[in-house]
Protein backbone atom coordinates (compact mmCIF):
# COMPACT_ATOMS: atom_id res chain seq x y z
CA MET A 1 -56.22 16.23 19.53
CA ALA A 2 -55.59 14.83 16.08
CA THR A 3 -55.21 18.27 14.71
CA ARG A 4 -53.00 19.40 17.17
CA ASN A 5 -50.48 16.59 16.35
CA LEU A 6 -50.63 17.25 12.93
CA ARG A 7 -49.91 20.81 13.24
CA THR A 8 -46.80 19.69 15.65
CA LEU A 9 -45.47 17.67 12.88
CA SER A 10 -46.01 20.40 9.99
CA PHE A 11 -42.70 21.86 8.91
CA ARG A 12 -41.93 25.58 8.76
CA PRO A 13 -39.88 26.71 5.49
CA LYS A 14 -36.55 26.93 7.44
CA HIS A 15 -37.11 23.41 8.74
CA MET A 16 -37.81 22.17 5.43
CA ARG A 17 -34.65 23.56 3.93
CA THR A 18 -32.70 21.80 6.67
CA LEU A 19 -34.38 18.64 5.70
CA VAL A 20 -33.93 18.89 2.01
CA LEU A 21 -30.08 19.86 2.74
CA GLY A 22 -29.95 16.61 4.86
CA ALA A 23 -31.48 14.38 2.42
CA LEU A 24 -28.96 15.61 -0.25
CA VAL A 25 -25.90 15.20 1.95
CA LEU A 26 -27.10 11.54 2.84
CA LEU A 27 -27.68 10.91 -0.72
CA THR A 28 -24.50 12.13 -1.88
CA ALA A 29 -22.66 10.23 0.79
CA ALA A 30 -24.42 6.81 -0.05
CA CYS A 31 -23.95 7.31 -3.78
CA GLY A 32 -20.21 8.17 -3.87
CA ASP A 33 -18.65 6.98 -7.21
CA VAL A 34 -22.12 5.10 -8.40
CA GLY A 35 -22.24 7.59 -11.40
CA ALA A 36 -18.61 6.82 -12.23
CA GLY A 37 -19.27 3.26 -12.98
CA ARG A 38 -16.54 2.09 -10.55
CA ALA A 39 -17.14 -0.41 -7.63
CA CYS A 40 -14.43 -0.37 -4.80
CA THR A 41 -13.44 -3.73 -3.58
CA ALA A 42 -12.53 -4.46 0.09
CA ILE A 43 -8.93 -5.42 -0.49
CA GLY A 44 -6.68 -4.72 2.35
CA ALA A 45 -3.10 -3.19 2.45
CA LEU A 46 -0.12 -4.33 4.64
CA VAL A 47 1.53 -1.99 6.86
CA GLY A 48 5.38 -2.18 6.38
CA LEU A 49 8.29 -1.84 3.98
CA GLY A 50 9.28 -3.62 0.82
CA VAL A 51 12.98 -4.44 0.30
CA ASP A 52 14.31 -4.89 -3.30
CA VAL A 53 17.87 -6.14 -3.60
CA HIS A 54 19.46 -6.20 -7.01
CA HIS A 55 23.25 -7.08 -5.55
CA THR A 56 23.52 -10.65 -6.63
CA THR A 57 25.60 -11.84 -3.70
CA VAL A 58 23.21 -11.25 -0.83
CA GLU A 59 21.74 -14.17 0.90
CA THR A 60 20.45 -12.90 4.43
CA GLY A 61 20.18 -9.63 6.23
CA SER A 62 18.57 -7.53 9.07
CA ILE A 63 16.38 -4.62 9.18
CA GLU A 64 15.49 -1.80 11.86
CA VAL A 65 12.69 0.77 11.42
CA CYS A 66 12.80 3.87 13.83
CA TRP A 67 10.76 6.81 14.51
CA ASP A 68 9.93 8.98 17.53
CA GLY A 69 12.41 7.01 19.70
CA ARG A 70 10.79 3.71 19.12
CA CYS A 71 12.62 1.07 16.78
CA VAL A 72 11.15 -2.22 15.65
CA THR A 73 13.37 -4.95 14.23
CA PRO A 74 11.13 -7.23 12.03
CA THR A 75 12.52 -10.41 10.43
CA LEU A 76 13.82 -9.82 7.09
CA ASP A 77 12.92 -13.07 4.86
CA LEU A 78 14.49 -12.47 1.49
CA PHE A 79 13.26 -14.53 -1.52
CA PRO A 80 14.63 -14.89 -4.83
CA SER A 81 13.44 -12.51 -7.47
CA SER A 82 11.99 -13.27 -10.79
CA SER A 83 10.83 -11.25 -14.01
CA SER A 84 8.47 -12.52 -16.66
CA VAL A 85 9.76 -12.96 -20.45
CA GLY A 86 8.53 -14.23 -23.52
CA GLY A 87 4.98 -13.15 -23.17
CA THR A 88 2.38 -14.01 -25.82
CA CYS A 89 -1.17 -13.86 -26.28
CA THR A 90 -3.74 -15.73 -28.72
CA GLY A 91 -5.44 -12.80 -29.04
CA ASP A 92 -6.77 -9.69 -27.28
CA LYS A 93 -10.22 -10.60 -26.01
CA PRO A 94 -10.69 -11.29 -22.32
CA ASP A 95 -11.18 -15.04 -23.03
CA ASP A 96 -7.83 -15.37 -24.69
CA VAL A 97 -4.93 -17.39 -23.47
CA CYS A 98 -1.66 -15.56 -22.57
CA SER A 99 1.48 -17.03 -21.41
CA ALA A 100 4.86 -16.10 -20.16
CA SER A 101 7.97 -17.44 -18.35
CA ALA A 102 9.44 -16.51 -14.99
CA VAL A 103 13.07 -16.21 -15.11
CA PRO A 104 15.42 -15.78 -11.89
CA THR A 105 17.25 -12.03 -11.93
CA GLY A 106 19.66 -13.11 -9.18
CA GLY A 107 18.14 -10.56 -6.90
CA LYS A 108 16.14 -10.69 -3.64
CA HIS A 109 12.99 -9.42 -2.51
CA ALA A 110 11.20 -9.06 0.86
CA TYR A 111 8.37 -7.27 2.83
CA VAL A 112 8.37 -6.84 6.32
CA THR A 113 5.47 -5.68 8.27
CA VAL A 114 5.76 -2.76 10.77
CA PRO A 115 2.56 -2.15 12.87
CA ASP A 116 2.00 1.43 13.75
CA LEU A 117 4.24 2.48 10.73
CA PRO A 118 3.38 6.56 10.57
CA THR A 119 3.09 8.46 7.61
CA LYS A 120 6.27 10.47 8.37
CA PRO A 121 10.02 10.13 7.71
CA VAL A 122 11.37 7.11 9.36
CA THR A 123 15.08 5.73 9.95
CA VAL A 124 15.64 2.47 8.20
CA SER A 125 18.77 0.60 8.75
CA LEU A 126 19.58 -2.20 6.55
CA ARG A 127 22.32 -4.77 7.10
CA LEU A 128 22.77 -7.30 4.17
CA LEU A 129 25.42 -10.26 4.37
CA ASP A 130 26.81 -12.61 1.68
CA ARG A 131 26.71 -16.49 1.65
CA ALA A 132 30.11 -16.44 3.80
CA GLY A 133 28.56 -14.17 6.44
CA ALA A 134 30.54 -11.13 5.10
CA THR A 135 28.80 -7.52 5.19
CA VAL A 136 27.69 -6.20 1.75
CA VAL A 137 25.34 -3.58 2.61
CA ASP A 138 25.19 -1.74 5.95
CA GLN A 139 23.30 1.42 5.46
CA GLN A 140 20.92 3.96 7.19
CA LEU A 141 18.50 5.97 5.40
CA THR A 142 15.32 8.05 5.92
CA VAL A 143 12.14 7.07 4.13
CA THR A 144 8.93 8.61 4.29
CA PRO A 145 5.71 5.95 4.06
CA LYS A 146 2.71 6.85 2.19
CA LEU A 147 -0.89 5.64 2.42
CA VAL A 148 -1.70 3.45 -0.38
CA GLU A 149 -5.08 3.18 -2.28
CA PRO A 150 -5.13 -0.81 -2.72
CA ASN A 151 -8.68 -0.49 -4.55
CA GLY A 152 -7.81 2.24 -6.78
CA PRO A 153 -8.14 5.99 -6.58
CA GLY A 154 -11.20 7.32 -4.69
CA CYS A 155 -11.87 4.08 -2.93
CA GLY A 156 -10.45 4.88 0.39
CA THR A 157 -6.63 4.52 1.75
CA GLY A 158 -4.98 1.29 3.21
CA GLY A 159 -2.06 1.38 5.74
CA PRO A 160 1.16 3.31 5.06
CA GLN A 161 3.81 1.55 3.00
CA ALA A 162 7.60 2.63 1.89
CA GLY A 163 10.18 0.87 -0.14
CA VAL A 164 13.89 0.49 -0.27
CA VAL A 165 15.85 -0.75 -3.21
CA VAL A 166 19.41 -1.95 -3.02
CA GLY A 167 21.40 -1.39 -6.33
CA PRO A 168 24.10 -4.00 -7.78
CA ASP A 169 26.56 -1.67 -6.39
CA GLY A 170 25.41 -1.86 -2.90
CA SER A 171 23.92 1.76 -3.23
CA VAL A 172 20.55 2.07 -1.18
CA ARG A 173 17.70 4.36 -2.05
CA GLU A 174 14.09 4.82 -1.28
CA ARG A 175 11.75 3.57 -3.96
């Protein structure tokens, strides 16, 4: 009886090839980028739209994003933008100290979360107002969200994102 079980478990040459190929596929999938010396982190990516406003009189606004007959109107919270200046470092080693100052640019920025944002063209309606409540920008444009790789190339994609830039003259374009 023991001999019969061993014969049942023996592999014929065609089964051996399948077993070896299967093992190679599993090994390749498990190793991924290990040979490249790169580790992938677990950083996530927000799904939505970034808004950069370089028009200095803008104070508040609203945004609407539409696709396939569906529209969402997330809250557009604008925050003051800044830029780094005067960067200096004590050296070029990882433990050396660097410093810079953040200075206001006069612009504003925001990020709006848009659940279920697709990776195909969407229509963005942007309305921006000045301090007195007068309309500074009231434009509609089409942008195409793209999947981002928050952990770097080869480490998988996060959610789709797109961006809109408002120039100092009120012009609106896709980032």
